[in-house]
Amino acid sequence: MCQNLIPPLNFGLVEENLYRSGEPNNLNFPFLEKLKLKKIIYLATELPKKELLIFAEDNDISLHHLSEDPSHNTSSWPMSEEVVLNAIQIVLQPDNYPLIIMCNLGRHRTGTLVGCLRKLQRWNLTSIFEEYRRFAGPKLRLMNEQFIEFFDTDLVHIPVIHPSWIRISI
């Protein structure tokens, strides 16, 4: 019997074995099983849905819910710098792959984190914003783009063993 494989909303390949998406539903789980994920970085302020927690547990996937209480975030930024840095440290560990980054719709928080990763890769801002806008669609948020622009990549500690898509200048 052929099973339909339906990716989650705003699913995309960031780098080899590094993916992005919105929060999946039951229809998306067969697709995600094929990725053989080890880690999920979940960036939404809300708790993950019960179905996602069960899927992660059933498939031995470690789910990292990285967020802060929205009532404590007094800035207008989409996320704190601390959340972004913590997420990047997880992404920079090759042992965590295959890995997926997600938030509610896979647009804003996910797009901001991916934009910061692209900045770490030394992409130019025009290319970073084009990718962000492709996923955000008409709901783009200029504050997210500003966060990416001002993100200080010098705060990121690159581990000795890191993904091959990270280039270290000597």
N, C-alpha and C. Protein backbone atom coordinates (compact mmCIF):
# COMPACT_ATOMS: atom_id res chain seq x y z
N MET A 1 0.85 -1.18 0.00
CA MET A 1 0.00 0.00 0.00
C MET A 1 0.89 1.24 0.00
N CYS A 2 0.63 2.14 -0.90
CA CYS A 2 1.41 3.38 -1.00
C CYS A 2 0.84 4.41 -0.03
N GLN A 3 1.72 4.97 0.77
CA GLN A 3 1.29 5.96 1.75
C GLN A 3 1.67 7.35 1.27
N ASN A 4 0.73 8.28 1.38
CA ASN A 4 1.04 9.66 1.02
C ASN A 4 1.96 10.27 2.06
N LEU A 5 3.00 10.91 1.59
CA LEU A 5 3.94 11.58 2.49
C LEU A 5 3.71 13.08 2.34
N ILE A 6 3.24 13.69 3.40
CA ILE A 6 2.87 15.10 3.36
C ILE A 6 3.79 15.87 4.30
N PRO A 7 4.63 16.76 3.77
CA PRO A 7 5.51 17.54 4.66
C PRO A 7 4.71 18.56 5.46
N PRO A 8 5.25 18.97 6.61
CA PRO A 8 4.59 20.01 7.40
C PRO A 8 4.59 21.35 6.65
N LEU A 9 3.75 22.23 7.10
CA LEU A 9 3.66 23.58 6.56
C LEU A 9 5.04 24.24 6.58
N ASN A 10 5.40 24.93 5.51
CA ASN A 10 6.67 25.65 5.40
C ASN A 10 7.89 24.76 5.60
N PHE A 11 7.77 23.49 5.21
CA PHE A 11 8.92 22.60 5.30
C PHE A 11 9.97 23.03 4.28
N GLY A 12 11.23 22.93 4.68
CA GLY A 12 12.31 23.23 3.76
C GLY A 12 13.62 22.64 4.24
N LEU A 13 14.52 22.46 3.30
CA LEU A 13 15.88 21.99 3.59
C LEU A 13 16.74 23.22 3.83
N VAL A 14 17.40 23.29 4.98
CA VAL A 14 18.32 24.39 5.28
C VAL A 14 19.71 24.00 4.81
N GLU A 15 20.17 22.86 5.27
CA GLU A 15 21.44 22.26 4.86
C GLU A 15 21.23 20.75 4.94
N GLU A 16 22.21 19.98 4.53
CA GLU A 16 22.06 18.53 4.57
C GLU A 16 21.70 18.06 5.98
N ASN A 17 20.59 17.34 6.09
CA ASN A 17 20.08 16.81 7.37
C ASN A 17 19.65 17.88 8.36
N LEU A 18 19.49 19.12 7.90
CA LEU A 18 18.97 20.21 8.73
C LEU A 18 17.76 20.78 8.02
N TYR A 19 16.61 20.70 8.70
CA TYR A 19 15.34 21.08 8.10
C TYR A 19 14.65 22.15 8.92
N ARG A 20 13.60 22.73 8.32
CA ARG A 20 12.78 23.74 8.99
C ARG A 20 11.33 23.47 8.64
N SER A 21 10.41 23.86 9.54
CA SER A 21 8.99 23.70 9.24
C SER A 21 8.14 24.37 10.31
N GLY A 22 6.85 24.37 10.03
CA GLY A 22 5.88 24.70 11.05
C GLY A 22 5.60 23.45 11.88
N GLU A 23 4.82 23.61 12.94
CA GLU A 23 4.51 22.46 13.79
C GLU A 23 3.70 21.44 12.99
N PRO A 24 4.13 20.19 12.98
CA PRO A 24 3.44 19.17 12.19
C PRO A 24 2.14 18.70 12.85
N ASN A 25 1.31 18.08 12.05
CA ASN A 25 0.12 17.41 12.57
C ASN A 25 0.21 15.93 12.22
N ASN A 26 -0.81 15.18 12.57
CA ASN A 26 -0.77 13.72 12.37
C ASN A 26 -0.53 13.32 10.92
N LEU A 27 -1.01 14.12 9.96
CA LEU A 27 -0.80 13.81 8.55
C LEU A 27 0.67 13.90 8.15
N ASN A 28 1.45 14.69 8.88
CA ASN A 28 2.86 14.93 8.54
C ASN A 28 3.82 13.92 9.16
N PHE A 29 3.38 13.19 10.17
CA PHE A 29 4.30 12.32 10.89
C PHE A 29 4.92 11.22 10.02
N PRO A 30 4.18 10.59 9.09
CA PRO A 30 4.85 9.59 8.22
C PRO A 30 5.99 10.21 7.40
N PHE A 31 5.80 11.44 6.94
CA PHE A 31 6.86 12.14 6.21
C PHE A 31 8.07 12.36 7.12
N LEU A 32 7.82 12.86 8.33
CA LEU A 32 8.92 13.16 9.26
C LEU A 32 9.65 11.88 9.68
N GLU A 33 8.93 10.77 9.77
CA GLU A 33 9.58 9.50 10.12
C GLU A 33 10.67 9.15 9.12
N LYS A 34 10.44 9.47 7.86
CA LYS A 34 11.41 9.16 6.80
C LYS A 34 12.72 9.94 6.97
N LEU A 35 12.67 11.06 7.70
CA LEU A 35 13.88 11.88 7.91
C LEU A 35 14.79 11.29 8.99
N LYS A 36 14.26 10.37 9.79
CA LYS A 36 15.02 9.74 10.88
C LYS A 36 15.65 10.79 11.81
N LEU A 37 14.82 11.74 12.23
CA LEU A 37 15.28 12.85 13.06
C LEU A 37 15.83 12.38 14.40
N LYS A 38 16.85 13.10 14.87
CA LYS A 38 17.38 12.89 16.22
C LYS A 38 16.91 13.99 17.17
N LYS A 39 16.78 15.22 16.62
CA LYS A 39 16.44 16.37 17.46
C LYS A 39 15.40 17.23 16.78
N ILE A 40 14.57 17.86 17.62
CA ILE A 40 13.64 18.90 17.20
C ILE A 40 13.94 20.12 18.06
N ILE A 41 14.15 21.26 17.41
CA ILE A 41 14.23 22.53 18.13
C ILE A 41 12.88 23.20 17.92
N TYR A 42 12.14 23.37 19.00
CA TYR A 42 10.78 23.92 18.95
C TYR A 42 10.82 25.32 19.55
N LEU A 43 10.53 26.34 18.74
CA LEU A 43 10.72 27.73 19.14
C LEU A 43 9.45 28.48 19.50
N ALA A 44 8.29 27.86 19.38
CA ALA A 44 7.04 28.56 19.69
C ALA A 44 6.96 28.84 21.19
N THR A 45 6.25 29.92 21.54
CA THR A 45 6.10 30.24 22.97
C THR A 45 5.14 29.27 23.65
N GLU A 46 4.19 28.71 22.88
CA GLU A 46 3.25 27.75 23.43
C GLU A 46 3.93 26.40 23.58
N LEU A 47 3.37 25.57 24.42
CA LEU A 47 3.88 24.20 24.55
C LEU A 47 3.59 23.43 23.27
N PRO A 48 4.45 22.48 22.92
CA PRO A 48 4.16 21.65 21.74
C PRO A 48 2.86 20.88 21.95
N LYS A 49 2.16 20.62 20.85
CA LYS A 49 0.93 19.83 20.94
C LYS A 49 1.25 18.42 21.39
N LYS A 50 0.27 17.81 22.06
CA LYS A 50 0.44 16.46 22.61
C LYS A 50 0.87 15.47 21.52
N GLU A 51 0.29 15.61 20.32
CA GLU A 51 0.61 14.68 19.22
C GLU A 51 2.09 14.75 18.87
N LEU A 52 2.68 15.96 18.88
CA LEU A 52 4.10 16.12 18.57
C LEU A 52 4.95 15.49 19.67
N LEU A 53 4.57 15.69 20.91
CA LEU A 53 5.31 15.09 22.02
C LEU A 53 5.29 13.56 21.94
N ILE A 54 4.14 13.00 21.61
CA ILE A 54 4.02 11.55 21.48
C ILE A 54 4.86 11.05 20.31
N PHE A 55 4.78 11.77 19.16
CA PHE A 55 5.58 11.40 17.99
C PHE A 55 7.06 11.39 18.34
N ALA A 56 7.53 12.44 19.02
CA ALA A 56 8.95 12.53 19.38
C ALA A 56 9.34 11.37 20.30
N GLU A 57 8.52 11.10 21.28
CA GLU A 57 8.83 10.02 22.22
C GLU A 57 8.82 8.66 21.51
N ASP A 58 7.82 8.43 20.69
CA ASP A 58 7.71 7.14 19.98
C ASP A 58 8.87 6.90 19.02
N ASN A 59 9.47 7.97 18.52
CA ASN A 59 10.54 7.85 17.53
C ASN A 59 11.92 8.17 18.11
N ASP A 60 11.99 8.23 19.44
CA ASP A 60 13.25 8.48 20.14
C ASP A 60 13.93 9.77 19.65
N ILE A 61 13.11 10.81 19.52
CA ILE A 61 13.60 12.12 19.08
C ILE A 61 13.62 13.04 20.30
N SER A 62 14.73 13.70 20.51
CA SER A 62 14.85 14.65 21.61
C SER A 62 14.25 15.99 21.18
N LEU A 63 13.28 16.47 21.93
CA LEU A 63 12.61 17.74 21.61
C LEU A 63 13.10 18.80 22.57
N HIS A 64 13.66 19.88 22.02
CA HIS A 64 14.14 21.00 22.83
C HIS A 64 13.20 22.18 22.63
N HIS A 65 12.41 22.48 23.65
CA HIS A 65 11.51 23.63 23.59
C HIS A 65 12.28 24.85 24.10
N LEU A 66 12.73 25.67 23.16
CA LEU A 66 13.51 26.86 23.51
C LEU A 66 12.65 28.09 23.30
N SER A 67 12.23 28.65 24.39
CA SER A 67 11.39 29.84 24.32
C SER A 67 11.40 30.51 25.67
N GLU A 68 10.94 31.74 25.66
CA GLU A 68 10.78 32.42 26.94
C GLU A 68 9.32 32.79 27.10
N ASP A 69 8.93 33.02 28.31
CA ASP A 69 7.57 33.45 28.59
C ASP A 69 7.35 34.80 27.89
N PRO A 70 6.35 34.89 26.99
CA PRO A 70 6.16 36.14 26.25
C PRO A 70 5.90 37.35 27.16
N SER A 71 5.38 37.12 28.35
CA SER A 71 5.13 38.24 29.26
C SER A 71 6.43 38.79 29.85
N HIS A 72 7.52 37.99 29.78
CA HIS A 72 8.81 38.46 30.29
C HIS A 72 9.68 39.08 29.21
N ASN A 73 9.27 38.94 27.95
CA ASN A 73 10.03 39.52 26.84
C ASN A 73 9.57 40.95 26.64
N THR A 74 10.33 41.88 27.20
CA THR A 74 9.95 43.29 27.14
C THR A 74 10.46 43.97 25.87
N SER A 75 11.27 43.28 25.10
CA SER A 75 11.78 43.87 23.86
C SER A 75 10.77 43.61 22.74
N SER A 76 11.00 44.26 21.63
CA SER A 76 10.13 44.03 20.47
C SER A 76 10.71 42.96 19.54
N TRP A 77 11.83 42.34 19.96
CA TRP A 77 12.44 41.29 19.14
C TRP A 77 11.58 40.05 19.16
N PRO A 78 11.69 39.23 18.12
CA PRO A 78 10.88 38.01 18.05
C PRO A 78 11.26 37.00 19.13
N MET A 79 12.55 36.96 19.46
CA MET A 79 13.08 36.05 20.47
C MET A 79 14.26 36.73 21.14
N SER A 80 14.64 36.22 22.27
CA SER A 80 15.82 36.79 22.92
C SER A 80 17.07 36.27 22.22
N GLU A 81 18.13 37.03 22.35
CA GLU A 81 19.43 36.61 21.82
C GLU A 81 19.85 35.29 22.47
N GLU A 82 19.52 35.12 23.74
CA GLU A 82 19.88 33.91 24.47
C GLU A 82 19.23 32.67 23.84
N VAL A 83 17.94 32.77 23.47
CA VAL A 83 17.26 31.64 22.84
C VAL A 83 17.93 31.31 21.51
N VAL A 84 18.25 32.32 20.72
CA VAL A 84 18.90 32.10 19.42
C VAL A 84 20.27 31.45 19.62
N LEU A 85 21.05 31.94 20.55
CA LEU A 85 22.38 31.36 20.80
C LEU A 85 22.28 29.92 21.29
N ASN A 86 21.31 29.64 22.16
CA ASN A 86 21.12 28.26 22.64
C ASN A 86 20.74 27.34 21.48
N ALA A 87 19.85 27.81 20.62
CA ALA A 87 19.43 27.00 19.47
C ALA A 87 20.61 26.76 18.52
N ILE A 88 21.39 27.79 18.27
CA ILE A 88 22.54 27.65 17.37
C ILE A 88 23.54 26.64 17.93
N GLN A 89 23.73 26.62 19.23
CA GLN A 89 24.67 25.65 19.81
C GLN A 89 24.20 24.22 19.57
N ILE A 90 22.89 23.99 19.61
CA ILE A 90 22.35 22.66 19.32
C ILE A 90 22.56 22.34 17.84
N VAL A 91 22.30 23.33 16.97
CA VAL A 91 22.45 23.13 15.52
C VAL A 91 23.91 22.85 15.15
N LEU A 92 24.85 23.43 15.87
CA LEU A 92 26.27 23.28 15.52
C LEU A 92 26.89 21.97 15.99
N GLN A 93 26.11 21.10 16.62
CA GLN A 93 26.60 19.80 17.07
C GLN A 93 26.20 18.73 16.05
N PRO A 94 27.13 18.25 15.24
CA PRO A 94 26.79 17.25 14.20
C PRO A 94 26.12 16.00 14.75
N ASP A 95 26.38 15.65 16.00
CA ASP A 95 25.75 14.46 16.59
C ASP A 95 24.24 14.62 16.70
N ASN A 96 23.73 15.84 16.58
CA ASN A 96 22.29 16.09 16.71
C ASN A 96 21.53 15.89 15.40
N TYR A 97 22.25 15.55 14.32
CA TYR A 97 21.62 15.44 13.01
C TYR A 97 21.14 14.01 12.74
N PRO A 98 20.07 13.92 11.97
CA PRO A 98 19.19 14.92 11.34
C PRO A 98 18.38 15.69 12.39
N LEU A 99 18.16 16.95 12.11
CA LEU A 99 17.55 17.90 13.04
C LEU A 99 16.56 18.78 12.29
N ILE A 100 15.48 19.14 12.97
CA ILE A 100 14.51 20.07 12.39
C ILE A 100 14.25 21.21 13.35
N ILE A 101 14.16 22.42 12.80
CA ILE A 101 13.82 23.64 13.55
C ILE A 101 12.38 23.96 13.21
N MET A 102 11.56 24.23 14.24
CA MET A 102 10.16 24.54 13.96
C MET A 102 9.58 25.51 14.97
N CYS A 103 8.55 26.20 14.53
CA CYS A 103 7.69 27.00 15.40
C CYS A 103 6.26 26.78 14.90
N ASN A 104 5.33 27.57 15.35
CA ASN A 104 3.92 27.34 14.99
C ASN A 104 3.73 27.14 13.49
N LEU A 105 4.09 28.15 12.71
CA LEU A 105 3.87 28.11 11.26
C LEU A 105 5.17 27.98 10.47
N GLY A 106 6.31 27.98 11.14
CA GLY A 106 7.59 27.86 10.44
C GLY A 106 7.97 29.12 9.70
N ARG A 107 7.45 30.25 10.13
CA ARG A 107 7.72 31.51 9.43
C ARG A 107 8.69 32.40 10.20
N HIS A 108 8.23 32.93 11.32
CA HIS A 108 8.92 34.04 11.96
C HIS A 108 10.06 33.62 12.88
N ARG A 109 9.80 32.85 13.89
CA ARG A 109 10.88 32.44 14.80
C ARG A 109 11.84 31.51 14.08
N THR A 110 11.29 30.54 13.35
CA THR A 110 12.14 29.64 12.58
C THR A 110 12.94 30.42 11.54
N GLY A 111 12.27 31.33 10.85
CA GLY A 111 12.95 32.15 9.83
C GLY A 111 14.03 33.03 10.41
N THR A 112 13.79 33.55 11.60
CA THR A 112 14.78 34.39 12.26
C THR A 112 16.01 33.57 12.63
N LEU A 113 15.78 32.39 13.20
CA LEU A 113 16.91 31.53 13.55
C LEU A 113 17.68 31.11 12.31
N VAL A 114 16.98 30.70 11.26
CA VAL A 114 17.66 30.31 10.02
C VAL A 114 18.42 31.51 9.46
N GLY A 115 17.84 32.71 9.53
CA GLY A 115 18.54 33.90 9.07
C GLY A 115 19.84 34.15 9.84
N CYS A 116 19.81 33.91 11.15
CA CYS A 116 21.03 34.06 11.95
C CYS A 116 22.06 33.00 11.56
N LEU A 117 21.61 31.79 11.25
CA LEU A 117 22.53 30.75 10.77
C LEU A 117 23.14 31.16 9.44
N ARG A 118 22.31 31.75 8.56
CA ARG A 118 22.83 32.20 7.26
C ARG A 118 23.86 33.31 7.45
N LYS A 119 23.62 34.16 8.43
CA LYS A 119 24.59 35.22 8.71
C LYS A 119 25.90 34.61 9.20
N LEU A 120 25.80 33.56 10.01
CA LEU A 120 26.98 32.84 10.48
C LEU A 120 27.73 32.21 9.30
N GLN A 121 26.98 31.83 8.26
CA GLN A 121 27.57 31.28 7.04
C GLN A 121 28.13 32.37 6.13
N ARG A 122 27.95 33.60 6.53
CA ARG A 122 28.41 34.77 5.78
C ARG A 122 27.65 35.00 4.48
N TRP A 123 26.36 34.64 4.48
CA TRP A 123 25.51 35.02 3.36
C TRP A 123 25.34 36.53 3.40
N ASN A 124 25.10 37.15 2.25
CA ASN A 124 24.81 38.59 2.27
C ASN A 124 23.36 38.79 2.72
N LEU A 125 23.10 39.96 3.28
CA LEU A 125 21.77 40.23 3.86
C LEU A 125 20.65 40.14 2.83
N THR A 126 20.90 40.53 1.60
CA THR A 126 19.87 40.45 0.57
C THR A 126 19.41 39.01 0.40
N SER A 127 20.34 38.07 0.34
CA SER A 127 20.01 36.65 0.18
C SER A 127 19.30 36.11 1.43
N ILE A 128 19.76 36.53 2.59
CA ILE A 128 19.13 36.09 3.85
C ILE A 128 17.68 36.56 3.89
N PHE A 129 17.45 37.84 3.57
CA PHE A 129 16.09 38.39 3.62
C PHE A 129 15.20 37.77 2.55
N GLU A 130 15.77 37.44 1.40
CA GLU A 130 14.97 36.81 0.35
C GLU A 130 14.47 35.45 0.83
N GLU A 131 15.35 34.69 1.48
CA GLU A 131 14.93 33.39 2.01
C GLU A 131 13.89 33.57 3.11
N TYR A 132 14.12 34.51 4.02
CA TYR A 132 13.16 34.76 5.10
C TYR A 132 11.79 35.12 4.51
N ARG A 133 11.77 36.00 3.52
CA ARG A 133 10.52 36.46 2.92
C ARG A 133 9.81 35.36 2.14
N ARG A 134 10.56 34.44 1.56
CA ARG A 134 9.96 33.34 0.82
C ARG A 134 9.08 32.50 1.75
N PHE A 135 9.52 32.30 2.98
CA PHE A 135 8.73 31.50 3.92
C PHE A 135 7.70 32.36 4.67
N ALA A 136 8.02 33.62 4.92
CA ALA A 136 7.09 34.48 5.67
C ALA A 136 5.92 34.94 4.80
N GLY A 137 6.15 35.03 3.49
CA GLY A 137 5.09 35.48 2.59
C GLY A 137 4.69 36.91 2.91
N PRO A 138 3.42 37.23 2.75
CA PRO A 138 2.98 38.62 2.98
C PRO A 138 2.99 39.00 4.47
N LYS A 139 3.23 38.04 5.34
CA LYS A 139 3.23 38.29 6.79
C LYS A 139 4.63 38.59 7.32
N LEU A 140 5.54 39.03 6.46
CA LEU A 140 6.91 39.28 6.92
C LEU A 140 6.92 40.35 8.01
N ARG A 141 7.90 40.24 8.88
CA ARG A 141 8.04 41.19 10.00
C ARG A 141 9.40 41.85 9.90
N LEU A 142 9.39 43.15 9.73
CA LEU A 142 10.64 43.90 9.60
C LEU A 142 11.51 43.78 10.84
N MET A 143 10.89 43.63 12.01
CA MET A 143 11.67 43.48 13.25
C MET A 143 12.50 42.19 13.22
N ASN A 144 11.99 41.15 12.58
CA ASN A 144 12.77 39.91 12.46
C ASN A 144 13.98 40.14 11.58
N GLU A 145 13.79 40.86 10.48
CA GLU A 145 14.91 41.16 9.60
C GLU A 145 15.94 42.04 10.31
N GLN A 146 15.45 42.97 11.10
CA GLN A 146 16.37 43.83 11.86
C GLN A 146 17.15 43.02 12.89
N PHE A 147 16.46 42.07 13.55
CA PHE A 147 17.13 41.19 14.51
C PHE A 147 18.27 40.44 13.82
N ILE A 148 17.99 39.88 12.65
CA ILE A 148 19.01 39.15 11.89
C ILE A 148 20.17 40.08 11.54
N GLU A 149 19.85 41.28 11.07
CA GLU A 149 20.89 42.23 10.67
C GLU A 149 21.80 42.59 11.83
N PHE A 150 21.22 42.77 13.02
CA PHE A 150 22.00 43.18 14.18
C PHE A 150 22.60 42.00 14.95
N PHE A 151 22.25 40.78 14.58
CA PHE A 151 22.75 39.61 15.31
C PHE A 151 24.27 39.57 15.22
N ASP A 152 24.90 39.44 16.37
CA ASP A 152 26.36 39.45 16.47
C ASP A 152 26.89 38.02 16.41
N THR A 153 27.41 37.62 15.27
CA THR A 153 27.91 36.25 15.10
C THR A 153 29.14 35.98 15.95
N ASP A 154 29.80 37.03 16.43
CA ASP A 154 30.96 36.84 17.30
C ASP A 154 30.57 36.23 18.65
N LEU A 155 29.28 36.26 18.99
CA LEU A 155 28.81 35.66 20.24
C LEU A 155 28.67 34.15 20.15
N VAL A 156 28.74 33.62 18.93
CA VAL A 156 28.56 32.19 18.70
C VAL A 156 29.89 31.48 18.88
N HIS A 157 29.86 30.45 19.71
CA HIS A 157 31.04 29.59 19.89
C HIS A 157 30.93 28.44 18.89
N ILE A 158 31.88 28.37 17.97
CA ILE A 158 31.91 27.29 16.98
C ILE A 158 32.69 26.13 17.60
N PRO A 159 32.05 24.97 17.79
CA PRO A 159 32.78 23.84 18.37
C PRO A 159 33.84 23.31 17.41
N VAL A 160 34.80 22.60 17.96
CA VAL A 160 35.88 22.04 17.15
C VAL A 160 35.29 21.13 16.06
N ILE A 161 34.37 20.26 16.47
CA ILE A 161 33.68 19.41 15.50
C ILE A 161 32.34 20.10 15.22
N HIS A 162 32.17 20.52 13.99
CA HIS A 162 30.98 21.29 13.59
C HIS A 162 30.53 20.84 12.21
N PRO A 163 29.31 21.21 11.81
CA PRO A 163 28.84 20.81 10.47
C PRO A 163 29.74 21.37 9.38
N SER A 164 29.85 20.63 8.29
CA SER A 164 30.75 21.03 7.20
C SER A 164 30.31 22.33 6.52
N TRP A 165 29.04 22.73 6.68
CA TRP A 165 28.57 23.95 6.04
C TRP A 165 29.00 25.21 6.79
N ILE A 166 29.65 25.05 7.92
CA ILE A 166 30.20 26.20 8.65
C ILE A 166 31.67 26.33 8.27
N ARG A 167 32.03 27.46 7.74
CA ARG A 167 33.42 27.72 7.35
C ARG A 167 34.05 28.64 8.41
N ILE A 168 35.20 28.23 8.89
CA ILE A 168 35.91 29.04 9.87
C ILE A 168 37.05 29.74 9.15
N SER A 169 37.07 31.08 9.27
CA SER A 169 38.17 31.83 8.65
C SER A 169 39.36 31.84 9.60
N ILE A 170 40.49 31.66 9.02
CA ILE A 170 41.74 31.61 9.82
C ILE A 170 42.49 32.91 9.68
